[in-house]
N, C-alpha and C. Protein backbone atom coordinates (compact mmCIF):
# COMPACT_ATOMS: atom_id res chain seq x y z
N UNK A 1 8.36 1.97 11.66
CA UNK A 1 7.60 1.25 10.65
C UNK A 1 7.92 1.83 9.28
N UNK A 2 8.10 0.95 8.33
CA UNK A 2 8.42 1.41 7.00
C UNK A 2 7.15 1.80 6.25
N UNK A 3 7.31 2.65 5.27
CA UNK A 3 6.18 3.13 4.49
C UNK A 3 5.99 2.22 3.29
N UNK A 4 5.46 1.01 3.55
CA UNK A 4 5.23 0.01 2.51
C UNK A 4 3.80 -0.49 2.64
N UNK A 5 3.10 -0.60 1.51
CA UNK A 5 1.75 -1.14 1.50
C UNK A 5 1.82 -2.63 1.81
N UNK A 6 0.98 -3.10 2.73
CA UNK A 6 1.02 -4.49 3.15
C UNK A 6 0.34 -5.42 2.16
N UNK A 7 -0.47 -4.89 1.25
CA UNK A 7 -1.17 -5.74 0.27
C UNK A 7 -0.51 -5.75 -1.10
N UNK A 8 0.06 -4.62 -1.52
CA UNK A 8 0.62 -4.55 -2.86
C UNK A 8 2.14 -4.45 -2.87
N UNK A 9 2.75 -4.11 -1.73
CA UNK A 9 4.20 -3.98 -1.67
C UNK A 9 4.71 -2.65 -2.21
N UNK A 10 3.82 -1.70 -2.48
CA UNK A 10 4.25 -0.39 -2.96
C UNK A 10 5.06 0.30 -1.88
N UNK A 11 6.14 0.99 -2.29
CA UNK A 11 6.97 1.71 -1.35
C UNK A 11 7.49 2.99 -2.01
N UNK A 12 8.30 3.75 -1.28
CA UNK A 12 8.80 5.02 -1.77
C UNK A 12 9.73 4.82 -2.96
N UNK A 13 9.64 5.75 -3.91
CA UNK A 13 10.54 5.78 -5.06
C UNK A 13 11.49 6.97 -4.89
N UNK A 14 12.62 6.94 -5.57
CA UNK A 14 13.59 8.03 -5.51
C UNK A 14 13.62 8.72 -6.85
N UNK A 15 13.66 10.05 -6.81
CA UNK A 15 13.73 10.82 -8.04
C UNK A 15 14.44 12.14 -7.79
N UNK A 16 14.21 13.09 -8.68
CA UNK A 16 14.88 14.38 -8.60
C UNK A 16 13.87 15.51 -8.56
N UNK A 17 14.18 16.54 -7.75
CA UNK A 17 13.55 17.85 -7.91
C UNK A 17 14.33 18.55 -9.00
N UNK A 18 13.65 19.13 -9.97
CA UNK A 18 14.32 19.81 -11.07
C UNK A 18 13.87 21.26 -11.08
N UNK A 19 14.83 22.18 -10.94
CA UNK A 19 14.51 23.60 -10.94
C UNK A 19 14.44 24.12 -12.37
N UNK A 20 14.06 25.40 -12.51
CA UNK A 20 14.01 26.01 -13.85
C UNK A 20 15.39 26.04 -14.49
N UNK A 21 16.43 26.12 -13.66
CA UNK A 21 17.80 26.13 -14.17
C UNK A 21 18.33 24.71 -14.40
N UNK A 22 17.43 23.71 -14.29
CA UNK A 22 17.75 22.30 -14.49
C UNK A 22 18.71 21.75 -13.44
N UNK A 23 18.77 22.39 -12.25
CA UNK A 23 19.53 21.83 -11.14
C UNK A 23 18.72 20.67 -10.56
N UNK A 24 19.40 19.58 -10.25
CA UNK A 24 18.70 18.39 -9.77
C UNK A 24 19.14 18.07 -8.35
N UNK A 25 18.16 17.88 -7.47
CA UNK A 25 18.42 17.44 -6.10
C UNK A 25 17.54 16.23 -5.83
N UNK A 26 18.04 15.30 -5.05
CA UNK A 26 17.32 14.06 -4.77
C UNK A 26 16.09 14.31 -3.91
N UNK A 27 15.05 13.55 -4.15
CA UNK A 27 13.82 13.60 -3.35
C UNK A 27 13.19 12.23 -3.33
N UNK A 28 12.19 12.07 -2.48
CA UNK A 28 11.46 10.81 -2.35
C UNK A 28 10.02 11.00 -2.78
N UNK A 29 9.48 10.02 -3.50
CA UNK A 29 8.06 9.97 -3.81
C UNK A 29 7.47 8.89 -2.92
N UNK A 30 6.83 9.29 -1.81
CA UNK A 30 6.26 8.31 -0.88
C UNK A 30 4.95 7.74 -1.43
N UNK A 31 4.68 6.50 -1.06
CA UNK A 31 3.41 5.88 -1.42
C UNK A 31 2.29 6.54 -0.62
N UNK A 32 1.11 6.61 -1.21
CA UNK A 32 -0.04 7.22 -0.55
C UNK A 32 -0.69 6.16 0.35
N UNK A 33 -0.25 6.11 1.61
CA UNK A 33 -0.67 5.05 2.53
C UNK A 33 -1.63 5.58 3.58
N UNK A 34 -2.57 4.71 3.96
CA UNK A 34 -3.47 4.98 5.07
C UNK A 34 -3.55 3.74 5.94
N UNK A 35 -3.83 3.95 7.23
CA UNK A 35 -4.01 2.84 8.16
C UNK A 35 -5.50 2.61 8.31
N UNK A 36 -5.97 1.40 8.04
CA UNK A 36 -7.41 1.14 8.00
C UNK A 36 -7.72 -0.20 8.65
N UNK A 37 -8.85 -0.26 9.35
CA UNK A 37 -9.33 -1.51 9.95
C UNK A 37 -10.33 -2.15 9.01
N UNK A 38 -10.19 -3.46 8.83
CA UNK A 38 -11.10 -4.22 7.98
C UNK A 38 -11.69 -5.37 8.79
N UNK A 39 -12.96 -5.65 8.56
CA UNK A 39 -13.62 -6.79 9.20
C UNK A 39 -13.60 -7.96 8.24
N UNK A 40 -13.10 -9.11 8.72
CA UNK A 40 -13.05 -10.33 7.91
C UNK A 40 -14.11 -11.28 8.46
N UNK A 41 -15.22 -11.46 7.73
CA UNK A 41 -16.31 -12.28 8.26
C UNK A 41 -15.97 -13.76 8.38
N UNK A 42 -15.07 -14.27 7.52
CA UNK A 42 -14.70 -15.69 7.60
C UNK A 42 -13.99 -16.02 8.91
N UNK A 43 -13.13 -15.11 9.36
CA UNK A 43 -12.38 -15.31 10.60
C UNK A 43 -13.08 -14.65 11.79
N UNK A 44 -14.11 -13.85 11.55
CA UNK A 44 -14.89 -13.15 12.56
C UNK A 44 -13.99 -12.27 13.44
N UNK A 45 -13.10 -11.49 12.80
CA UNK A 45 -12.28 -10.55 13.55
C UNK A 45 -11.90 -9.36 12.69
N UNK A 46 -11.37 -8.33 13.37
CA UNK A 46 -10.93 -7.10 12.71
C UNK A 46 -9.43 -7.16 12.51
N UNK A 47 -8.96 -6.64 11.38
CA UNK A 47 -7.54 -6.60 11.05
C UNK A 47 -7.19 -5.17 10.66
N UNK A 48 -6.09 -4.65 11.23
CA UNK A 48 -5.61 -3.32 10.86
C UNK A 48 -4.47 -3.48 9.87
N UNK A 49 -4.61 -2.83 8.71
CA UNK A 49 -3.61 -2.91 7.66
C UNK A 49 -3.20 -1.52 7.23
N UNK A 50 -1.93 -1.38 6.82
CA UNK A 50 -1.46 -0.14 6.22
C UNK A 50 -1.47 -0.37 4.72
N UNK A 51 -2.43 0.25 4.03
CA UNK A 51 -2.63 0.00 2.61
C UNK A 51 -2.53 1.30 1.81
N UNK A 52 -2.16 1.17 0.55
CA UNK A 52 -2.17 2.31 -0.35
C UNK A 52 -3.59 2.56 -0.80
N UNK A 53 -3.85 3.76 -1.29
CA UNK A 53 -5.20 4.10 -1.71
C UNK A 53 -5.61 3.30 -2.94
N UNK A 54 -4.65 2.92 -3.78
CA UNK A 54 -4.99 2.08 -4.93
C UNK A 54 -5.37 0.67 -4.47
N UNK A 55 -4.73 0.19 -3.40
CA UNK A 55 -5.11 -1.11 -2.84
C UNK A 55 -6.49 -1.04 -2.21
N UNK A 56 -6.83 0.11 -1.64
CA UNK A 56 -8.16 0.30 -1.06
C UNK A 56 -9.24 0.22 -2.13
N UNK A 57 -8.96 0.77 -3.31
CA UNK A 57 -9.90 0.68 -4.43
C UNK A 57 -10.05 -0.78 -4.86
N UNK A 58 -8.95 -1.54 -4.85
CA UNK A 58 -9.00 -2.95 -5.20
C UNK A 58 -9.83 -3.72 -4.18
N UNK A 59 -9.68 -3.40 -2.89
CA UNK A 59 -10.45 -4.06 -1.83
C UNK A 59 -11.93 -3.78 -2.02
N UNK A 60 -12.27 -2.54 -2.36
CA UNK A 60 -13.67 -2.20 -2.60
C UNK A 60 -14.23 -2.96 -3.80
N UNK A 61 -13.38 -3.27 -4.76
CA UNK A 61 -13.83 -3.94 -5.97
C UNK A 61 -13.96 -5.46 -5.78
N UNK A 62 -12.91 -6.11 -5.21
CA UNK A 62 -12.92 -7.58 -5.13
C UNK A 62 -13.20 -8.12 -3.74
N UNK A 63 -13.14 -7.26 -2.71
CA UNK A 63 -13.38 -7.70 -1.35
C UNK A 63 -12.09 -7.94 -0.58
N UNK A 64 -12.17 -7.81 0.74
CA UNK A 64 -10.98 -7.92 1.59
C UNK A 64 -10.43 -9.34 1.60
N UNK A 65 -11.30 -10.35 1.61
CA UNK A 65 -10.83 -11.73 1.68
C UNK A 65 -10.03 -12.10 0.44
N UNK A 66 -10.52 -11.71 -0.74
CA UNK A 66 -9.81 -12.00 -1.98
C UNK A 66 -8.51 -11.22 -2.07
N UNK A 67 -8.50 -9.98 -1.58
CA UNK A 67 -7.30 -9.15 -1.62
C UNK A 67 -6.22 -9.73 -0.70
N UNK A 68 -6.61 -10.21 0.49
CA UNK A 68 -5.64 -10.81 1.41
C UNK A 68 -5.10 -12.11 0.83
N UNK A 69 -5.98 -12.90 0.23
CA UNK A 69 -5.55 -14.16 -0.38
C UNK A 69 -4.55 -13.91 -1.50
N UNK A 70 -4.79 -12.89 -2.31
CA UNK A 70 -3.88 -12.55 -3.40
C UNK A 70 -2.54 -12.04 -2.88
N UNK A 71 -2.57 -11.23 -1.80
CA UNK A 71 -1.34 -10.71 -1.22
C UNK A 71 -0.51 -11.84 -0.59
N UNK A 72 -1.16 -12.82 0.01
CA UNK A 72 -0.44 -13.96 0.58
C UNK A 72 0.21 -14.80 -0.52
N UNK A 73 -0.47 -14.95 -1.65
CA UNK A 73 0.10 -15.75 -2.74
C UNK A 73 1.29 -15.05 -3.37
N UNK A 74 1.30 -13.69 -3.36
CA UNK A 74 2.43 -12.94 -3.91
C UNK A 74 3.54 -12.75 -2.90
N UNK A 75 3.29 -13.09 -1.63
CA UNK A 75 4.31 -13.02 -0.59
C UNK A 75 4.41 -11.69 0.14
N UNK A 76 3.44 -10.79 -0.03
CA UNK A 76 3.48 -9.50 0.66
C UNK A 76 2.93 -9.61 2.06
N UNK A 77 2.08 -10.57 2.33
CA UNK A 77 1.43 -10.74 3.62
C UNK A 77 1.73 -12.12 4.14
N UNK A 78 1.96 -12.23 5.47
CA UNK A 78 2.30 -13.53 6.03
C UNK A 78 1.09 -14.39 6.27
């Protein structure tokens, strides 16, 4: 499974580790993802999603139904 948020599409970025001598080596900045179960009252079922913590804050703010609807319109969720 890839490390991609299912609601926002956030994924790992590539950058450099930089030492004091300014030597640069490649590294990855992974997205802060968690696996969480959500209850959707309209469909009366539970859904497990892999979401970033920033997406979790958005879900707490606007609700899971609105967040899923927005992700479907942007094409991140089927």
